[in-house]
N, C-alpha and C. Protein backbone atom coordinates (compact mmCIF):
# COMPACT_ATOMS: atom_id res chain seq x y z
N ASP A 1 34.14 11.41 49.20
CA ASP A 1 35.36 11.19 49.18
C ASP A 1 36.41 12.34 49.01
N CYS A 2 37.25 12.65 49.64
CA CYS A 2 38.55 14.43 49.28
C CYS A 2 39.67 13.35 48.91
N TYR A 3 40.12 14.22 48.09
CA TYR A 3 41.43 13.72 47.38
C TYR A 3 42.71 14.74 47.70
N LYS A 4 43.83 14.55 48.06
CA LYS A 4 45.07 14.98 48.06
C LYS A 4 45.78 15.03 47.48
N VAL A 5 46.16 16.38 47.11
CA VAL A 5 47.20 16.57 45.97
C VAL A 5 48.85 16.38 46.63
N GLU A 6 49.31 15.76 46.61
CA GLU A 6 50.60 15.35 47.31
C GLU A 6 51.72 16.01 46.37
N GLN A 7 51.60 16.06 45.22
CA GLN A 7 52.68 16.82 44.46
C GLN A 7 51.80 17.61 43.20
N PRO A 8 52.00 18.87 43.23
CA PRO A 8 51.58 19.43 42.00
C PRO A 8 52.23 19.53 41.06
N ILE A 9 51.15 19.32 39.95
CA ILE A 9 51.84 19.07 38.51
C ILE A 9 52.11 20.32 37.91
N HIS A 10 53.10 20.76 37.28
CA HIS A 10 53.54 21.80 36.43
C HIS A 10 53.88 21.56 35.26
N SER A 11 53.37 21.99 34.47
CA SER A 11 53.76 22.45 32.91
C SER A 11 54.21 23.11 32.62
N ALA A 12 55.20 22.94 31.90
CA ALA A 12 56.62 23.86 31.55
C ALA A 12 55.56 24.63 30.38
N ALA A 13 55.64 25.86 30.51
CA ALA A 13 55.05 27.01 29.50
C ALA A 13 56.49 27.40 28.75
N LYS A 14 55.91 27.15 27.59
CA LYS A 14 56.83 27.95 26.54
C LYS A 14 56.58 29.22 26.15
N ALA A 15 57.44 29.26 26.32
CA ALA A 15 57.66 31.21 25.47
C ALA A 15 57.76 31.39 24.31
N GLU A 16 56.24 31.67 23.97
CA GLU A 16 56.13 31.93 22.59
C GLU A 16 56.57 33.77 22.29
N GLU A 17 56.66 33.98 20.80
CA GLU A 17 57.07 34.81 20.35
C GLU A 17 55.67 35.37 19.72
N LYS A 18 55.08 35.88 19.65
CA LYS A 18 53.71 36.29 19.37
C LYS A 18 53.94 37.87 18.14
N GLN A 19 53.56 37.29 17.08
CA GLN A 19 53.87 37.79 16.18
C GLN A 19 52.17 38.98 15.73
N GLN A 20 52.54 40.48 16.20
CA GLN A 20 51.17 41.22 15.73
C GLN A 20 51.74 42.17 14.60
N ILE A 21 50.77 42.26 14.13
CA ILE A 21 50.71 42.84 12.57
C ILE A 21 49.70 44.37 12.33
N GLN A 22 50.52 45.66 12.37
CA GLN A 22 49.48 46.84 13.12
C GLN A 22 48.81 47.07 11.26
N LEU A 23 47.98 46.99 11.72
CA LEU A 23 46.90 47.53 10.55
C LEU A 23 46.43 48.98 10.36
N ASN A 24 47.07 49.94 9.39
CA ASN A 24 46.28 50.97 9.17
C ASN A 24 45.04 50.82 8.66
N ASN A 25 44.50 50.09 8.01
CA ASN A 25 43.22 50.11 7.39
C ASN A 25 42.97 48.49 7.33
N TYR A 26 41.67 48.19 7.17
CA TYR A 26 40.72 46.86 6.99
C TYR A 26 40.57 46.82 5.82
N PRO A 27 40.44 46.34 4.41
CA PRO A 27 39.65 46.80 3.53
C PRO A 27 38.58 45.47 3.90
N THR A 28 37.52 45.42 3.58
CA THR A 28 35.83 45.15 3.53
C THR A 28 35.17 44.82 2.31
N SER A 29 34.30 44.08 1.89
CA SER A 29 33.64 43.93 0.57
C SER A 29 32.30 43.54 1.68
N SER A 30 30.99 43.99 0.85
CA SER A 30 29.59 43.59 0.77
C SER A 30 29.45 42.44 0.38
N ARG A 31 29.97 42.02 -0.24
CA ARG A 31 29.78 40.86 -1.29
C ARG A 31 29.03 39.69 -0.56
N LEU A 32 29.62 39.32 0.43
CA LEU A 32 29.33 38.13 1.09
C LEU A 32 28.18 38.41 1.52
N SER A 33 27.42 39.78 1.94
CA SER A 33 26.09 39.55 2.66
C SER A 33 25.38 39.70 1.75
N THR A 34 25.86 40.26 0.13
CA THR A 34 24.34 39.85 -0.69
C THR A 34 23.60 38.58 -1.14
N ILE A 35 25.43 37.53 -0.83
CA ILE A 35 24.71 36.44 -1.17
C ILE A 35 23.47 35.85 -0.32
N TYR A 36 23.34 36.43 1.06
CA TYR A 36 22.43 36.03 1.51
C TYR A 36 21.31 37.01 1.96
N ASP A 37 21.14 37.94 0.86
CA ASP A 37 19.62 38.66 0.30
C ASP A 37 18.96 37.54 -0.44
N PRO A 38 17.89 37.88 -0.05
CA PRO A 38 16.23 36.77 -0.52
C PRO A 38 17.21 36.95 -1.80
N LEU A 39 16.65 35.77 -2.27
CA LEU A 39 16.94 36.34 -4.10
C LEU A 39 15.62 36.94 -4.27
N GLU A 40 14.59 36.80 -4.58
CA GLU A 40 13.64 37.99 -4.70
C GLU A 40 14.26 39.18 -4.52
N GLU A 41 14.54 39.43 -3.54
CA GLU A 41 15.13 41.15 -3.37
C GLU A 41 16.26 41.54 -3.94
N ARG A 42 17.32 40.39 -4.14
CA ARG A 42 18.06 40.82 -5.34
C ARG A 42 17.27 40.99 -6.90
N HIS A 43 16.43 40.22 -7.17
CA HIS A 43 16.22 40.08 -8.27
C HIS A 43 15.19 41.67 -8.50
N LEU A 44 14.53 41.78 -7.73
CA LEU A 44 13.62 43.49 -7.32
C LEU A 44 14.71 44.51 -7.57
N ASN A 45 15.80 44.70 -7.21
CA ASN A 45 16.72 45.56 -6.94
C ASN A 45 17.53 45.38 -8.48
N HIS A 46 17.70 44.08 -9.60
CA HIS A 46 18.07 43.98 -10.31
C HIS A 46 17.16 45.05 -11.72
N VAL A 47 15.45 44.55 -11.24
CA VAL A 47 14.71 45.58 -12.00
C VAL A 47 14.79 46.68 -11.67
N LEU A 48 15.16 47.62 -10.62
CA LEU A 48 14.89 48.63 -10.55
C LEU A 48 15.94 49.46 -10.76
N HIS A 49 17.22 48.81 -11.10
CA HIS A 49 18.57 49.36 -11.55
C HIS A 49 19.06 49.22 -12.93
N THR A 50 18.03 49.01 -13.96
CA THR A 50 18.72 48.78 -14.89
C THR A 50 18.29 50.05 -16.17
N ASN A 51 18.70 50.06 -17.06
CA ASN A 51 18.70 51.24 -18.18
C ASN A 51 16.66 50.74 -18.39
N GLU A 52 16.22 51.70 -19.29
CA GLU A 52 14.71 51.48 -19.86
C GLU A 52 14.66 50.45 -20.64
N ALA A 53 15.49 50.20 -21.69
CA ALA A 53 15.18 49.00 -22.62
C ALA A 53 15.50 47.66 -21.61
N SER A 54 16.56 47.74 -21.06
CA SER A 54 16.63 46.49 -20.46
C SER A 54 15.58 46.39 -19.27
N ARG A 55 14.84 47.32 -18.63
CA ARG A 55 14.15 47.08 -17.57
C ARG A 55 13.00 46.65 -18.10
N LEU A 56 12.62 47.00 -19.20
CA LEU A 56 11.13 46.78 -19.69
C LEU A 56 11.31 45.27 -20.19
N GLY A 57 12.36 44.63 -20.49
CA GLY A 57 12.94 42.99 -20.94
C GLY A 57 12.80 42.75 -19.41
N THR A 58 13.61 42.71 -18.86
CA THR A 58 13.36 42.43 -17.35
C THR A 58 12.43 42.19 -16.63
N ILE A 59 11.17 43.53 -16.72
CA ILE A 59 10.25 43.27 -15.80
C ILE A 59 9.07 42.19 -16.95
N LEU A 60 8.70 42.31 -18.23
CA LEU A 60 8.18 41.60 -18.80
C LEU A 60 8.23 39.62 -19.02
N HIS A 61 9.43 39.88 -18.86
CA HIS A 61 10.58 38.59 -18.39
C HIS A 61 9.67 37.88 -17.13
N GLU A 62 9.71 38.59 -16.18
CA GLU A 62 9.50 38.36 -14.93
C GLU A 62 7.90 38.24 -14.58
N LEU A 63 7.15 38.99 -15.45
CA LEU A 63 5.68 38.94 -15.41
C LEU A 63 5.43 38.07 -16.38
N LEU A 64 6.25 37.09 -17.36
CA LEU A 64 5.58 36.30 -18.15
C LEU A 64 6.21 34.69 -17.41
N ALA A 65 7.21 34.68 -16.43
CA ALA A 65 7.71 33.40 -15.49
C ALA A 65 6.67 33.70 -14.52
N LEU A 66 6.18 34.32 -14.28
CA LEU A 66 5.05 34.53 -13.08
C LEU A 66 3.98 34.40 -13.59
N SER A 67 3.00 34.14 -14.74
CA SER A 67 1.85 34.27 -15.42
C SER A 67 1.48 33.50 -16.18
N PRO A 68 1.23 32.20 -16.22
CA PRO A 68 0.52 31.26 -17.02
C PRO A 68 -0.19 31.97 -17.87
N SER A 69 -1.04 32.78 -17.45
CA SER A 69 -2.50 33.08 -17.96
C SER A 69 -2.83 34.47 -17.57
N PRO A 70 -3.97 35.02 -18.40
CA PRO A 70 -4.13 36.38 -18.38
C PRO A 70 -4.52 37.21 -17.02
N ALA A 71 -5.36 36.25 -16.10
CA ALA A 71 -5.69 36.48 -14.96
C ALA A 71 -4.44 36.50 -13.90
N ALA A 72 -3.30 35.51 -14.10
CA ALA A 72 -2.13 35.96 -13.39
C ALA A 72 -1.40 37.21 -13.93
N VAL A 73 -1.47 37.54 -15.39
CA VAL A 73 -0.80 38.87 -15.40
C VAL A 73 -1.61 39.86 -14.42
N GLU A 74 -2.33 39.86 -15.02
CA GLU A 74 -3.26 40.99 -13.92
C GLU A 74 -2.97 40.99 -12.60
N THR A 75 -2.97 39.86 -11.65
CA THR A 75 -2.65 39.74 -10.52
C THR A 75 -0.95 40.57 -10.16
N ALA A 76 -0.44 39.98 -10.82
CA ALA A 76 1.18 40.36 -11.30
C ALA A 76 1.41 41.72 -11.04
N LEU A 77 0.71 42.46 -12.37
CA LEU A 77 0.65 43.86 -12.16
C LEU A 77 0.46 44.59 -11.48
N GLU A 78 -0.71 44.12 -10.67
CA GLU A 78 -1.07 44.75 -9.89
C GLU A 78 -0.04 44.77 -8.46
N ASP A 79 0.80 43.86 -8.22
CA ASP A 79 1.46 43.36 -7.19
C ASP A 79 2.91 44.32 -7.80
N PHE A 80 3.22 44.52 -9.18
CA PHE A 80 4.23 45.06 -9.38
C PHE A 80 4.05 46.93 -8.97
N ILE A 81 2.46 46.78 -9.36
CA ILE A 81 2.22 48.55 -8.77
C ILE A 81 2.20 48.86 -7.24
N LEU A 82 2.10 47.71 -6.60
CA LEU A 82 2.03 47.78 -4.93
C LEU A 82 3.31 47.62 -4.64
N GLN A 83 4.12 47.16 -5.10
CA GLN A 83 5.57 46.96 -4.82
C GLN A 83 6.57 48.36 -5.75
N GLY A 84 6.21 49.21 -6.49
CA GLY A 84 6.63 50.24 -7.08
C GLY A 84 7.95 49.98 -8.25
N VAL A 85 7.92 48.73 -8.50
CA VAL A 85 8.23 48.10 -9.73
C VAL A 85 8.09 49.14 -10.94
N ILE A 86 6.24 49.41 -11.16
CA ILE A 86 6.19 49.73 -12.61
C ILE A 86 5.20 51.08 -11.78
N ALA A 87 5.20 52.38 -12.80
CA ALA A 87 4.04 53.08 -12.34
C ALA A 87 2.40 52.51 -13.06
N PRO A 88 1.60 52.79 -12.32
CA PRO A 88 0.29 52.74 -12.99
C PRO A 88 0.11 53.28 -14.30
N ALA A 89 0.77 53.91 -14.70
CA ALA A 89 0.59 54.47 -16.51
C ALA A 89 1.35 53.36 -17.01
N GLU A 90 2.23 52.47 -16.88
CA GLU A 90 2.55 51.77 -17.57
C GLU A 90 2.00 50.16 -17.21
N LYS A 91 0.79 49.85 -16.81
CA LYS A 91 0.32 48.79 -16.48
C LYS A 91 -0.46 48.50 -18.21
N GLU A 92 -0.79 49.10 -18.58
CA GLU A 92 -1.51 48.63 -19.89
C GLU A 92 -0.57 48.38 -21.00
N LYS A 93 0.56 49.04 -20.95
CA LYS A 93 1.57 48.45 -21.97
C LYS A 93 2.05 47.29 -21.91
N PHE A 94 2.47 46.98 -20.53
CA PHE A 94 2.83 45.78 -19.94
C PHE A 94 1.96 44.41 -20.00
N TRP A 95 0.70 44.79 -19.76
CA TRP A 95 -0.74 44.43 -20.09
C TRP A 95 -0.80 43.40 -21.99
N GLN A 96 -0.73 44.34 -22.60
CA GLN A 96 -0.66 44.43 -24.09
C GLN A 96 0.53 43.33 -24.20
N GLU A 97 1.77 43.82 -24.16
CA GLU A 97 2.76 42.90 -24.06
C GLU A 97 2.77 41.34 -23.64
N ALA A 98 2.57 41.15 -22.27
CA ALA A 98 2.16 39.71 -22.24
C ALA A 98 1.02 39.18 -22.95
N LEU A 99 -0.03 39.79 -23.23
CA LEU A 99 -1.18 38.93 -23.60
C LEU A 99 -0.39 38.17 -24.81
N ALA A 100 0.43 39.29 -25.35
CA ALA A 100 0.62 39.13 -27.02
C ALA A 100 1.52 38.10 -27.02
N VAL A 101 2.53 37.51 -25.92
CA VAL A 101 2.68 36.25 -25.94
C VAL A 101 2.16 35.07 -25.52
N LEU A 102 1.36 35.52 -24.23
CA LEU A 102 0.50 34.32 -23.69
C LEU A 102 -0.41 34.05 -25.30
N ALA A 103 -1.03 34.82 -26.32
CA ALA A 103 -1.58 34.64 -27.19
C ALA A 103 -1.08 33.35 -28.50
N HIS A 104 0.45 33.56 -27.86
CA HIS A 104 1.07 32.33 -29.09
C HIS A 104 0.41 30.96 -29.02
N SER A 105 0.63 30.35 -30.09
CA SER A 105 -0.32 29.13 -30.33
C SER A 105 0.56 27.53 -29.70
N ASP A 106 2.33 27.95 -29.76
CA ASP A 106 2.77 27.12 -29.72
C ASP A 106 2.83 26.97 -27.71
N LEU A 107 2.41 28.20 -27.18
CA LEU A 107 3.12 28.31 -25.70
C LEU A 107 1.66 28.34 -25.48
N GLN A 108 0.37 28.38 -25.73
CA GLN A 108 -1.10 28.03 -25.30
C GLN A 108 -0.52 26.55 -25.16
N ALA A 109 0.23 25.70 -26.37
CA ALA A 109 -0.16 24.44 -26.64
C ALA A 109 0.76 23.86 -25.13
N LEU A 110 1.67 24.10 -24.72
CA LEU A 110 2.73 23.57 -23.71
C LEU A 110 1.59 23.96 -22.50
N PHE A 111 1.08 24.98 -21.92
CA PHE A 111 0.67 25.34 -20.94
C PHE A 111 -0.67 24.57 -21.07
N ALA A 112 -1.15 24.12 -21.89
CA ALA A 112 -2.49 23.60 -21.91
C ALA A 112 -2.44 21.91 -21.15
N GLY A 113 -1.26 21.52 -21.73
CA GLY A 113 -1.46 19.94 -21.64
C GLY A 113 -0.92 19.88 -20.14
N ALA A 114 -0.11 20.49 -19.38
CA ALA A 114 0.38 20.51 -18.09
C ALA A 114 -0.52 20.96 -16.98
N ALA A 115 -0.24 19.73 -16.30
CA ALA A 115 -1.46 19.17 -15.19
C ALA A 115 -0.70 20.45 -13.98
N LYS A 116 0.77 21.22 -13.90
CA LYS A 116 1.11 21.42 -12.73
C LYS A 116 2.14 22.29 -13.44
N GLN A 117 2.21 23.53 -12.41
CA GLN A 117 3.32 24.58 -12.97
C GLN A 117 4.06 25.18 -12.00
N TRP A 118 5.61 24.85 -11.83
CA TRP A 118 6.16 25.96 -10.85
C TRP A 118 6.94 27.27 -11.56
N ALA A 119 6.19 27.94 -11.33
CA ALA A 119 7.21 29.33 -11.84
C ALA A 119 8.16 29.92 -11.10
N GLU A 120 9.26 29.95 -11.69
CA GLU A 120 10.35 31.02 -10.68
C GLU A 120 10.88 30.16 -9.55
N LYS A 121 10.63 28.81 -9.21
CA LYS A 121 10.80 27.99 -8.17
C LYS A 121 12.68 27.58 -8.19
N THR A 122 13.32 27.94 -6.88
CA THR A 122 14.76 27.33 -6.91
C THR A 122 15.05 25.89 -7.09
N ILE A 123 15.96 25.32 -7.73
CA ILE A 123 16.72 24.13 -7.69
C ILE A 123 17.76 24.03 -6.97
N ILE A 124 18.00 23.44 -6.34
CA ILE A 124 19.55 23.86 -5.28
C ILE A 124 20.19 22.38 -5.84
N SER A 125 21.38 22.78 -6.25
CA SER A 125 21.88 21.49 -7.01
C SER A 125 23.03 20.73 -6.11
N PRO A 126 23.53 19.64 -5.92
CA PRO A 126 23.69 18.83 -5.07
C PRO A 126 25.15 19.43 -4.60
N GLN A 127 25.82 20.71 -4.78
CA GLN A 127 26.89 21.67 -4.77
C GLN A 127 26.23 22.57 -3.94
N GLY A 128 24.64 22.82 -3.71
CA GLY A 128 24.77 23.81 -3.25
C GLY A 128 23.83 25.18 -4.02
N ASN A 129 24.11 25.08 -5.38
CA ASN A 129 24.18 26.18 -6.22
C ASN A 129 22.75 26.51 -6.29
N GLN A 130 22.14 27.89 -6.39
CA GLN A 130 20.79 27.65 -6.54
C GLN A 130 20.59 28.30 -8.11
N TYR A 131 19.31 27.49 -8.89
CA TYR A 131 19.15 27.90 -9.76
C TYR A 131 17.62 28.20 -10.12
N ARG A 132 17.38 28.88 -10.65
CA ARG A 132 15.62 29.13 -11.25
C ARG A 132 15.24 29.38 -12.36
N PRO A 133 14.49 28.17 -13.26
CA PRO A 133 14.07 28.42 -14.38
C PRO A 133 12.88 29.47 -14.06
N ASP A 134 12.67 29.86 -15.22
CA ASP A 134 11.21 30.64 -15.65
C ASP A 134 10.14 29.66 -14.90
N ASN A 135 9.70 28.35 -15.64
CA ASN A 135 8.72 27.74 -15.21
C ASN A 135 9.21 26.19 -15.74
N VAL A 136 8.63 25.66 -14.96
CA VAL A 136 8.87 24.41 -14.68
C VAL A 136 7.29 23.45 -15.05
N LEU A 137 6.84 22.95 -16.60
CA LEU A 137 5.84 22.44 -16.84
C LEU A 137 5.53 20.65 -16.15
N VAL A 138 4.68 20.09 -15.19
CA VAL A 138 4.46 18.90 -15.09
C VAL A 138 3.59 18.37 -15.58
N TYR A 139 3.88 17.56 -16.51
CA TYR A 139 3.06 16.60 -17.31
C TYR A 139 2.89 15.33 -16.50
N PRO A 140 1.80 14.56 -16.61
CA PRO A 140 1.92 13.01 -16.47
C PRO A 140 3.31 11.94 -16.96
N ASP A 141 3.26 12.31 -17.99
CA ASP A 141 4.85 11.24 -18.37
C ASP A 141 5.95 12.40 -18.58
N LYS A 142 6.06 13.61 -18.46
CA LYS A 142 7.18 14.41 -18.55
C LYS A 142 7.05 15.55 -17.83
N ILE A 143 8.53 16.33 -17.67
CA ILE A 143 8.57 17.44 -17.22
C ILE A 143 9.00 18.64 -18.44
N VAL A 144 8.92 19.74 -18.08
CA VAL A 144 9.01 20.62 -19.22
C VAL A 144 9.81 22.01 -19.01
N VAL A 145 11.04 22.49 -19.50
CA VAL A 145 11.87 23.38 -18.90
C VAL A 145 11.58 24.53 -20.03
N LEU A 146 10.88 25.57 -19.37
CA LEU A 146 10.28 26.84 -20.45
C LEU A 146 10.93 28.26 -19.54
N ASP A 147 12.09 28.48 -20.59
CA ASP A 147 12.57 29.68 -20.29
C ASP A 147 12.75 30.78 -21.10
N TYR A 148 11.98 32.11 -20.92
CA TYR A 148 11.93 33.07 -21.47
C TYR A 148 13.09 34.01 -21.82
N LYS A 149 13.86 34.55 -23.06
CA LYS A 149 14.41 35.03 -23.45
C LYS A 149 13.93 36.55 -24.21
N PHE A 150 14.53 37.79 -23.83
CA PHE A 150 14.03 38.83 -24.67
C PHE A 150 15.38 39.79 -25.34
N THR A 151 15.82 38.70 -26.01
CA THR A 151 16.94 39.22 -27.20
C THR A 151 16.37 38.56 -28.53
N PHE A 152 16.80 39.42 -29.65
CA PHE A 152 16.42 38.62 -31.49
C PHE A 152 16.97 37.40 -31.38
N GLU A 153 18.43 37.26 -30.80
CA GLU A 153 19.32 36.13 -31.40
C GLU A 153 19.40 35.18 -30.26
N ALA A 154 19.30 34.01 -31.02
CA ALA A 154 19.61 32.59 -30.14
C ALA A 154 20.97 32.88 -29.77
N SER A 155 21.21 31.99 -28.74
CA SER A 155 22.68 32.21 -28.17
C SER A 155 23.11 30.49 -27.44
N ALA A 156 24.53 30.67 -27.60
CA ALA A 156 24.58 29.27 -26.96
C ALA A 156 24.47 28.90 -25.83
N GLU A 157 24.71 30.34 -25.24
CA GLU A 157 24.23 30.48 -24.09
C GLU A 157 22.96 30.36 -23.02
N HIS A 158 21.99 30.62 -23.95
CA HIS A 158 20.98 30.57 -23.49
C HIS A 158 20.79 28.81 -23.40
N ILE A 159 21.11 27.98 -24.66
CA ILE A 159 20.89 26.37 -24.68
C ILE A 159 21.47 25.97 -23.57
N SER A 160 22.73 26.42 -23.27
CA SER A 160 23.39 25.82 -22.76
C SER A 160 22.89 25.73 -20.74
N GLN A 161 22.19 27.01 -20.82
CA GLN A 161 21.53 27.56 -19.42
C GLN A 161 20.43 26.57 -19.30
N VAL A 162 19.54 26.01 -20.52
CA VAL A 162 18.21 24.97 -20.10
C VAL A 162 18.64 24.06 -20.19
N GLN A 163 19.70 23.38 -20.76
CA GLN A 163 20.92 22.14 -20.67
C GLN A 163 20.65 21.73 -19.42
N HIS A 164 21.22 22.75 -18.48
CA HIS A 164 21.73 22.51 -17.11
C HIS A 164 20.87 21.98 -16.24
N TYR A 165 19.64 22.90 -16.61
CA TYR A 165 17.81 22.99 -15.58
C TYR A 165 17.67 21.59 -16.07
N MET A 166 17.57 21.04 -17.32
CA MET A 166 17.47 19.72 -17.52
C MET A 166 17.94 18.40 -17.17
N VAL A 167 19.28 18.87 -16.76
CA VAL A 167 20.05 17.99 -16.11
C VAL A 167 19.75 17.53 -14.27
N LEU A 168 19.66 19.48 -14.07
CA LEU A 168 19.55 18.99 -12.42
C LEU A 168 17.95 18.42 -12.32
N LEU A 169 17.26 18.57 -13.13
CA LEU A 169 15.76 18.08 -13.30
C LEU A 169 15.89 16.30 -13.49
N ARG A 170 16.83 16.08 -14.06
CA ARG A 170 17.33 14.43 -14.10
C ARG A 170 17.59 14.03 -12.85
N GLU A 171 18.94 14.79 -12.35
CA GLU A 171 19.65 14.20 -11.51
C GLU A 171 18.51 13.97 -9.86
N MET A 172 17.01 15.00 -10.07
CA MET A 172 16.52 15.16 -8.79
C MET A 172 15.30 13.98 -9.12
N GLY A 173 15.50 12.96 -10.56
CA GLY A 173 14.80 11.66 -10.60
C GLY A 173 13.80 11.61 -11.44
N TYR A 174 13.29 12.84 -12.30
CA TYR A 174 12.63 12.98 -13.53
C TYR A 174 13.38 12.48 -14.70
N ALA A 175 12.68 11.39 -15.44
CA ALA A 175 13.80 10.97 -16.36
C ALA A 175 13.06 11.33 -17.74
N ASN A 176 12.21 11.86 -17.83
CA ASN A 176 12.02 12.35 -19.14
C ASN A 176 11.47 13.83 -19.10
N VAL A 177 13.00 14.72 -19.12
CA VAL A 177 12.88 15.88 -19.62
C VAL A 177 12.68 16.79 -20.47
N GLU A 178 11.97 17.86 -21.09
CA GLU A 178 12.38 18.71 -22.56
C GLU A 178 12.62 19.90 -22.18
N GLY A 179 12.93 20.35 -22.87
CA GLY A 179 13.07 22.19 -22.74
C GLY A 179 12.70 22.71 -23.68
N TYR A 180 12.56 24.05 -23.58
CA TYR A 180 12.07 24.89 -24.68
C TYR A 180 13.01 26.67 -24.20
N LEU A 181 13.14 27.48 -24.98
CA LEU A 181 13.56 28.36 -25.10
C LEU A 181 12.57 29.33 -25.72
N PHE A 182 11.56 30.39 -25.12
CA PHE A 182 10.64 31.19 -25.72
C PHE A 182 11.40 32.93 -25.99
N TYR A 183 11.85 33.28 -26.98
CA TYR A 183 12.35 34.36 -27.67
C TYR A 183 10.78 35.42 -27.82
N ALA A 184 10.59 35.90 -26.90
CA ALA A 184 9.63 37.03 -26.54
C ALA A 184 9.55 38.07 -27.70
N LEU A 185 10.74 38.72 -28.27
CA LEU A 185 11.15 39.50 -29.58
C LEU A 185 10.85 39.13 -30.66
N THR A 186 10.86 38.11 -31.03
CA THR A 186 10.74 37.45 -32.39
C THR A 186 9.41 36.17 -32.42
N LYS A 187 8.60 36.43 -31.01
CA LYS A 187 8.03 35.18 -31.32
C LYS A 187 8.19 33.53 -31.48
N LYS A 188 9.09 33.17 -30.61
CA LYS A 188 9.74 32.33 -31.60
C LYS A 188 10.01 31.13 -30.56
N LEU A 189 9.54 29.58 -30.77
CA LEU A 189 9.79 28.62 -29.35
C LEU A 189 10.34 27.82 -30.14
N GLN A 190 11.42 27.53 -29.19
CA GLN A 190 12.90 26.86 -29.83
C GLN A 190 13.08 25.73 -28.87
N PRO A 191 12.94 24.53 -29.02
CA PRO A 191 13.07 23.09 -28.40
C PRO A 191 14.69 23.16 -28.30
N VAL A 192 15.05 22.61 -26.89
CA VAL A 192 16.71 22.34 -26.29
C VAL A 192 16.48 21.01 -25.97
N TYR A 193 17.67 20.53 -26.79
CA TYR A 193 17.92 19.10 -26.56
C TYR A 193 19.54 18.99 -25.99
């Protein structure tokens, strides 16, 4: 079939006045791009760009979060050396510090009873925000959140952080959730309610 248009349809074009803006410069930010950087890469950049005391605490924090045992500490330290996070000469210092923390009897009891451990695993909230507790220990009857701190004093912010992790895990369907803070400098394990 062929159709013939008898009367063309014309639409009345509106004469719109276009407003143009002349820009001499266009300021931009790289903030949005950092959101898309891998979380591990941002964490490594933080470790490499802090002052020495903060650097030591941050590296020990990362080491302990990834290493529930002396064998895991050894592996993590070798990885840190290969990644350039620590110098080979620093290995012994970090080894001794990490072992001193892992030798704490309360921590040993926590790790010994766990059937599974999730170290530095991201939890995504229903709003899409990412949270990363140091350790989540899975027991047959409960879940335990363990977060390491390298300060001398406890703070309400630390407690609030662990409480938030606990809420997220409950929202995921885990009914029995406990939380703990371990202050590595004072060797104190503090329950969070």
